[in-house]
Amino acid sequence: MSRMIYDYTKEVLERVSFNSELFIKELKKAIKNLLPYEMEQLKKWLQYFTNEKPELKKCLFVVDN
């Protein structure tokens, strides 16, 4: 079940990546819903994903705290 939440979170983040405010909002939701090891996986995925979208790099402060 939790893997499904992780995959769903990635899908949502991809869909809202056009708007940094929505992206931050969804990242905050992810922090509440994902398990610690899933958050580590998400951080790695975010590093990869934001390489293609540098305007979202500033949003990563949410997961670094």
PDB file of N, CA and C in Angstrom:
ATOM      1  N   MET A   1       0.821  -1.195   0.000  1.00  0.00           N
ATOM      2  CA  MET A   1       0.000   0.000   0.000  1.00  0.00           C
ATOM      3  C   MET A   1       0.866   1.260   0.000  1.00  0.00           C
ATOM      4  N   SER A   2       1.916   1.276   0.819  1.00  0.00           N
ATOM      5  CA  SER A   2       2.692   2.497   0.936  1.00  0.00           C
ATOM      6  C   SER A   2       3.453   2.799  -0.355  1.00  0.00           C
ATOM      7  N   ARG A   3       3.842   1.791  -1.103  1.00  0.00           N
ATOM      8  CA  ARG A   3       4.508   2.019  -2.393  1.00  0.00           C
ATOM      9  C   ARG A   3       3.570   2.747  -3.352  1.00  0.00           C
ATOM     10  N   MET A   4       2.284   2.443  -3.244  1.00  0.00           N
ATOM     11  CA  MET A   4       1.303   3.108  -4.089  1.00  0.00           C
ATOM     12  C   MET A   4       1.225   4.595  -3.746  1.00  0.00           C
ATOM     13  N   ILE A   5       1.335   4.927  -2.477  1.00  0.00           N
ATOM     14  CA  ILE A   5       1.301   6.325  -2.061  1.00  0.00           C
ATOM     15  C   ILE A   5       2.533   7.051  -2.589  1.00  0.00           C
ATOM     16  N   TYR A   6       3.672   6.416  -2.515  1.00  0.00           N
ATOM     17  CA  TYR A   6       4.910   6.997  -3.035  1.00  0.00           C
ATOM     18  C   TYR A   6       4.792   7.274  -4.537  1.00  0.00           C
ATOM     19  N   ASP A   7       4.320   6.291  -5.282  1.00  0.00           N
ATOM     20  CA  ASP A   7       4.160   6.457  -6.732  1.00  0.00           C
ATOM     21  C   ASP A   7       3.135   7.538  -7.048  1.00  0.00           C
ATOM     22  N   TYR A   8       2.043   7.552  -6.306  1.00  0.00           N
ATOM     23  CA  TYR A   8       1.023   8.575  -6.502  1.00  0.00           C
ATOM     24  C   TYR A   8       1.595   9.966  -6.224  1.00  0.00           C
ATOM     25  N   THR A   9       2.394  10.084  -5.183  1.00  0.00           N
ATOM     26  CA  THR A   9       3.020  11.362  -4.838  1.00  0.00           C
ATOM     27  C   THR A   9       3.890  11.858  -5.983  1.00  0.00           C
ATOM     28  N   LYS A  10       4.678  10.977  -6.568  1.00  0.00           N
ATOM     29  CA  LYS A  10       5.513  11.371  -7.700  1.00  0.00           C
ATOM     30  C   LYS A  10       4.666  11.829  -8.879  1.00  0.00           C
ATOM     31  N   GLU A  11       3.581  11.126  -9.151  1.00  0.00           N
ATOM     32  CA  GLU A  11       2.689  11.519 -10.246  1.00  0.00           C
ATOM     33  C   GLU A  11       2.121  12.921 -10.015  1.00  0.00           C
ATOM     34  N   VAL A  12       1.658  13.164  -8.800  1.00  0.00           N
ATOM     35  CA  VAL A  12       1.076  14.464  -8.477  1.00  0.00           C
ATOM     36  C   VAL A  12       2.127  15.554  -8.623  1.00  0.00           C
ATOM     37  N   LEU A  13       3.326  15.314  -8.129  1.00  0.00           N
ATOM     38  CA  LEU A  13       4.384  16.313  -8.230  1.00  0.00           C
ATOM     39  C   LEU A  13       4.730  16.606  -9.685  1.00  0.00           C
ATOM     40  N   GLU A  14       4.730  15.597 -10.520  1.00  0.00           N
ATOM     41  CA  GLU A  14       4.979  15.820 -11.943  1.00  0.00           C
ATOM     42  C   GLU A  14       3.879  16.670 -12.559  1.00  0.00           C
ATOM     43  N   ARG A  15       2.643  16.413 -12.163  1.00  0.00           N
ATOM     44  CA  ARG A  15       1.508  17.144 -12.733  1.00  0.00           C
ATOM     45  C   ARG A  15       1.468  18.609 -12.311  1.00  0.00           C
ATOM     46  N   VAL A  16       1.905  18.905 -11.102  1.00  0.00           N
ATOM     47  CA  VAL A  16       1.839  20.293 -10.614  1.00  0.00           C
ATOM     48  C   VAL A  16       3.164  21.028 -10.781  1.00  0.00           C
ATOM     49  N   SER A  17       4.097  20.438 -11.469  1.00  0.00           N
ATOM     50  CA  SER A  17       5.422  21.050 -11.591  1.00  0.00           C
ATOM     51  C   SER A  17       5.412  22.351 -12.388  1.00  0.00           C
ATOM     52  N   PHE A  18       4.317  22.672 -13.019  1.00  0.00           N
ATOM     53  CA  PHE A  18       4.222  23.940 -13.754  1.00  0.00           C
ATOM     54  C   PHE A  18       4.080  25.133 -12.809  1.00  0.00           C
ATOM     55  N   ASN A  19       3.709  24.866 -11.541  1.00  0.00           N
ATOM     56  CA  ASN A  19       3.465  25.941 -10.580  1.00  0.00           C
ATOM     57  C   ASN A  19       4.235  25.636  -9.291  1.00  0.00           C
ATOM     58  N   SER A  20       5.194  26.481  -8.950  1.00  0.00           N
ATOM     59  CA  SER A  20       6.034  26.200  -7.787  1.00  0.00           C
ATOM     60  C   SER A  20       5.245  26.241  -6.476  1.00  0.00           C
ATOM     61  N   GLU A  21       4.211  27.059  -6.387  1.00  0.00           N
ATOM     62  CA  GLU A  21       3.406  27.110  -5.159  1.00  0.00           C
ATOM     63  C   GLU A  21       2.654  25.802  -4.940  1.00  0.00           C
ATOM     64  N   LEU A  22       2.059  25.266  -6.003  1.00  0.00           N
ATOM     65  CA  LEU A  22       1.383  23.970  -5.894  1.00  0.00           C
ATOM     66  C   LEU A  22       2.380  22.860  -5.590  1.00  0.00           C
ATOM     67  N   PHE A  23       3.549  22.972  -6.197  1.00  0.00           N
ATOM     68  CA  PHE A  23       4.597  21.980  -5.980  1.00  0.00           C
ATOM     69  C   PHE A  23       4.985  21.930  -4.501  1.00  0.00           C
ATOM     70  N   ILE A  24       5.168  23.100  -3.892  1.00  0.00           N
ATOM     71  CA  ILE A  24       5.507  23.167  -2.464  1.00  0.00           C
ATOM     72  C   ILE A  24       4.378  22.597  -1.618  1.00  0.00           C
ATOM     73  N   LYS A  25       3.152  22.934  -1.968  1.00  0.00           N
ATOM     74  CA  LYS A  25       1.989  22.432  -1.220  1.00  0.00           C
ATOM     75  C   LYS A  25       1.947  20.902  -1.245  1.00  0.00           C
ATOM     76  N   GLU A  26       2.197  20.323  -2.409  1.00  0.00           N
ATOM     77  CA  GLU A  26       2.185  18.863  -2.530  1.00  0.00           C
ATOM     78  C   GLU A  26       3.385  18.228  -1.832  1.00  0.00           C
ATOM     79  N   LEU A  27       4.515  18.892  -1.830  1.00  0.00           N
ATOM     80  CA  LEU A  27       5.666  18.383  -1.085  1.00  0.00           C
ATOM     81  C   LEU A  27       5.362  18.324   0.408  1.00  0.00           C
ATOM     82  N   LYS A  28       4.691  19.342   0.911  1.00  0.00           N
ATOM     83  CA  LYS A  28       4.327  19.351   2.334  1.00  0.00           C
ATOM     84  C   LYS A  28       3.382  18.202   2.664  1.00  0.00           C
ATOM     85  N   LYS A  29       2.456  17.905   1.775  1.00  0.00           N
ATOM     86  CA  LYS A  29       1.562  16.762   1.974  1.00  0.00           C
ATOM     87  C   LYS A  29       2.357  15.459   1.990  1.00  0.00           C
ATOM     88  N   ALA A  30       3.326  15.368   1.083  1.00  0.00           N
ATOM     89  CA  ALA A  30       4.135  14.154   0.983  1.00  0.00           C
ATOM     90  C   ALA A  30       4.891  13.903   2.284  1.00  0.00           C
ATOM     91  N   ILE A  31       5.413  14.956   2.883  1.00  0.00           N
ATOM     92  CA  ILE A  31       6.162  14.818   4.127  1.00  0.00           C
ATOM     93  C   ILE A  31       5.280  14.201   5.214  1.00  0.00           C
ATOM     94  N   LYS A  32       4.013  14.559   5.217  1.00  0.00           N
ATOM     95  CA  LYS A  32       3.082  14.033   6.225  1.00  0.00           C
ATOM     96  C   LYS A  32       2.688  12.585   5.950  1.00  0.00           C
ATOM     97  N   ASN A  33       2.659  12.190   4.672  1.00  0.00           N
ATOM     98  CA  ASN A  33       2.102  10.890   4.306  1.00  0.00           C
ATOM     99  C   ASN A  33       3.120   9.779   4.075  1.00  0.00           C
ATOM    100  N   LEU A  34       4.351  10.140   3.756  1.00  0.00           N
ATOM    101  CA  LEU A  34       5.330   9.110   3.411  1.00  0.00           C
ATOM    102  C   LEU A  34       6.132   8.648   4.621  1.00  0.00           C
ATOM    103  N   LEU A  35       6.579   7.432   4.557  1.00  0.00           N
ATOM    104  CA  LEU A  35       7.443   6.872   5.591  1.00  0.00           C
ATOM    105  C   LEU A  35       8.855   7.440   5.419  1.00  0.00           C
ATOM    106  N   PRO A  36       9.662   7.387   6.478  1.00  0.00           N
ATOM    107  CA  PRO A  36      11.018   7.977   6.389  1.00  0.00           C
ATOM    108  C   PRO A  36      11.861   7.450   5.224  1.00  0.00           C
ATOM    109  N   TYR A  37      11.842   6.150   4.973  1.00  0.00           N
ATOM    110  CA  TYR A  37      12.662   5.633   3.875  1.00  0.00           C
ATOM    111  C   TYR A  37      12.104   6.073   2.522  1.00  0.00           C
ATOM    112  N   GLU A  38      10.789   6.269   2.448  1.00  0.00           N
ATOM    113  CA  GLU A  38      10.199   6.774   1.213  1.00  0.00           C
ATOM    114  C   GLU A  38      10.577   8.234   0.987  1.00  0.00           C
ATOM    115  N   MET A  39      10.704   8.983   2.054  1.00  0.00           N
ATOM    116  CA  MET A  39      11.133  10.378   1.929  1.00  0.00           C
ATOM    117  C   MET A  39      12.555  10.444   1.372  1.00  0.00           C
ATOM    118  N   GLU A  40      13.401   9.522   1.796  1.00  0.00           N
ATOM    119  CA  GLU A  40      14.764   9.478   1.264  1.00  0.00           C
ATOM    120  C   GLU A  40      14.744   9.184  -0.236  1.00  0.00           C
ATOM    121  N   GLN A  41      13.886   8.252  -0.635  1.00  0.00           N
ATOM    122  CA  GLN A  41      13.753   7.945  -2.060  1.00  0.00           C
ATOM    123  C   GLN A  41      13.210   9.153  -2.817  1.00  0.00           C
ATOM    124  N   LEU A  42      12.248   9.833  -2.219  1.00  0.00           N
ATOM    125  CA  LEU A  42      11.669  11.006  -2.864  1.00  0.00           C
ATOM    126  C   LEU A  42      12.706  12.113  -3.022  1.00  0.00           C
ATOM    127  N   LYS A  43      13.554  12.297  -2.029  1.00  0.00           N
ATOM    128  CA  LYS A  43      14.607  13.318  -2.130  1.00  0.00           C
ATOM    129  C   LYS A  43      15.529  13.028  -3.311  1.00  0.00           C
ATOM    130  N   LYS A  44      15.892  11.758  -3.484  1.00  0.00           N
ATOM    131  CA  LYS A  44      16.748  11.382  -4.612  1.00  0.00           C
ATOM    132  C   LYS A  44      16.035  11.631  -5.935  1.00  0.00           C
ATOM    133  N   TRP A  45      14.765  11.259  -5.980  1.00  0.00           N
ATOM    134  CA  TRP A  45      13.993  11.482  -7.199  1.00  0.00           C
ATOM    135  C   TRP A  45      13.852  12.979  -7.487  1.00  0.00           C
ATOM    136  N   LEU A  46      13.658  13.786  -6.458  1.00  0.00           N
ATOM    137  CA  LEU A  46      13.520  15.231  -6.631  1.00  0.00           C
ATOM    138  C   LEU A  46      14.799  15.853  -7.187  1.00  0.00           C
ATOM    139  N   GLN A  47      15.946  15.361  -6.737  1.00  0.00           N
ATOM    140  CA  GLN A  47      17.213  15.865  -7.266  1.00  0.00           C
ATOM    141  C   GLN A  47      17.285  15.617  -8.772  1.00  0.00           C
ATOM    142  N   TYR A  48      16.905  14.423  -9.171  1.00  0.00           N
ATOM    143  CA  TYR A  48      16.903  14.081 -10.597  1.00  0.00           C
ATOM    144  C   TYR A  48      15.864  14.914 -11.352  1.00  0.00           C
ATOM    145  N   PHE A  49      14.651  14.979 -10.834  1.00  0.00           N
ATOM    146  CA  PHE A  49      13.541  15.660 -11.503  1.00  0.00           C
ATOM    147  C   PHE A  49      13.798  17.153 -11.653  1.00  0.00           C
ATOM    148  N   THR A  50      14.377  17.783 -10.636  1.00  0.00           N
ATOM    149  CA  THR A  50      14.584  19.228 -10.695  1.00  0.00           C
ATOM    150  C   THR A  50      15.796  19.619 -11.533  1.00  0.00           C
ATOM    151  N   ASN A  51      16.605  18.665 -11.917  1.00  0.00           N
ATOM    152  CA  ASN A  51      17.695  18.972 -12.858  1.00  0.00           C
ATOM    153  C   ASN A  51      17.131  19.459 -14.181  1.00  0.00           C
ATOM    154  N   GLU A  52      15.988  18.915 -14.561  1.00  0.00           N
ATOM    155  CA  GLU A  52      15.337  19.317 -15.803  1.00  0.00           C
ATOM    156  C   GLU A  52      14.477  20.569 -15.628  1.00  0.00           C
ATOM    157  N   LYS A  53      14.158  20.905 -14.398  1.00  0.00           N
ATOM    158  CA  LYS A  53      13.304  22.055 -14.093  1.00  0.00           C
ATOM    159  C   LYS A  53      13.966  22.905 -13.005  1.00  0.00           C
ATOM    160  N   PRO A  54      14.961  23.677 -13.372  1.00  0.00           N
ATOM    161  CA  PRO A  54      15.717  24.443 -12.364  1.00  0.00           C
ATOM    162  C   PRO A  54      14.876  25.432 -11.560  1.00  0.00           C
ATOM    163  N   GLU A  55      13.737  25.849 -12.106  1.00  0.00           N
ATOM    164  CA  GLU A  55      12.876  26.769 -11.361  1.00  0.00           C
ATOM    165  C   GLU A  55      12.272  26.118 -10.119  1.00  0.00           C
ATOM    166  N   LEU A  56      12.307  24.794 -10.051  1.00  0.00           N
ATOM    167  CA  LEU A  56      11.773  24.088  -8.893  1.00  0.00           C
ATOM    168  C   LEU A  56      12.830  23.796  -7.832  1.00  0.00           C
ATOM    169  N   LYS A  57      14.093  24.022  -8.157  1.00  0.00           N
ATOM    170  CA  LYS A  57      15.177  23.765  -7.182  1.00  0.00           C
ATOM    171  C   LYS A  57      14.942  24.521  -5.879  1.00  0.00           C
ATOM    172  N   LYS A  58      14.417  25.737  -5.994  1.00  0.00           N
ATOM    173  CA  LYS A  58      14.181  26.552  -4.798  1.00  0.00           C
ATOM    174  C   LYS A  58      13.121  25.943  -3.885  1.00  0.00           C
ATOM    175  N   CYS A  59      12.316  25.040  -4.407  1.00  0.00           N
ATOM    176  CA  CYS A  59      11.246  24.409  -3.622  1.00  0.00           C
ATOM    177  C   CYS A  59      11.759  23.281  -2.733  1.00  0.00           C
ATOM    178  N   LEU A  60      12.982  22.832  -2.969  1.00  0.00           N
ATOM    179  CA  LEU A  60      13.493  21.675  -2.233  1.00  0.00           C
ATOM    180  C   LEU A  60      13.801  21.967  -0.768  1.00  0.00           C
ATOM    181  N   PHE A  61      13.752  23.246  -0.382  1.00  0.00           N
ATOM    182  CA  PHE A  61      13.962  23.578   1.024  1.00  0.00           C
ATOM    183  C   PHE A  61      12.923  22.873   1.908  1.00  0.00           C
ATOM    184  N   VAL A  62      11.782  22.562   1.367  1.00  0.00           N
ATOM    185  CA  VAL A  62      10.693  21.916   2.122  1.00  0.00           C
ATOM    186  C   VAL A  62      11.132  20.546   2.623  1.00  0.00           C
ATOM    187  N   VAL A  63      11.804  19.783   1.791  1.00  0.00           N
ATOM    188  CA  VAL A  63      12.214  18.436   2.194  1.00  0.00           C
ATOM    189  C   VAL A  63      13.552  18.400   2.907  1.00  0.00           C
ATOM    190  N   ASP A  64      14.312  19.483   2.846  1.00  0.00           N
ATOM    191  CA  ASP A  64      15.605  19.512   3.508  1.00  0.00           C
ATOM    192  C   ASP A  64      15.500  19.786   5.006  1.00  0.00           C
ATOM    193  N   ASN A  65      14.360  20.275   5.440  1.00  0.00           N
ATOM    194  CA  ASN A  65      14.194  20.605   6.872  1.00  0.00           C
ATOM    195  C   ASN A  65      13.806  19.416   7.688  1.00  0.00           C
TER     196      ASN A  65
END
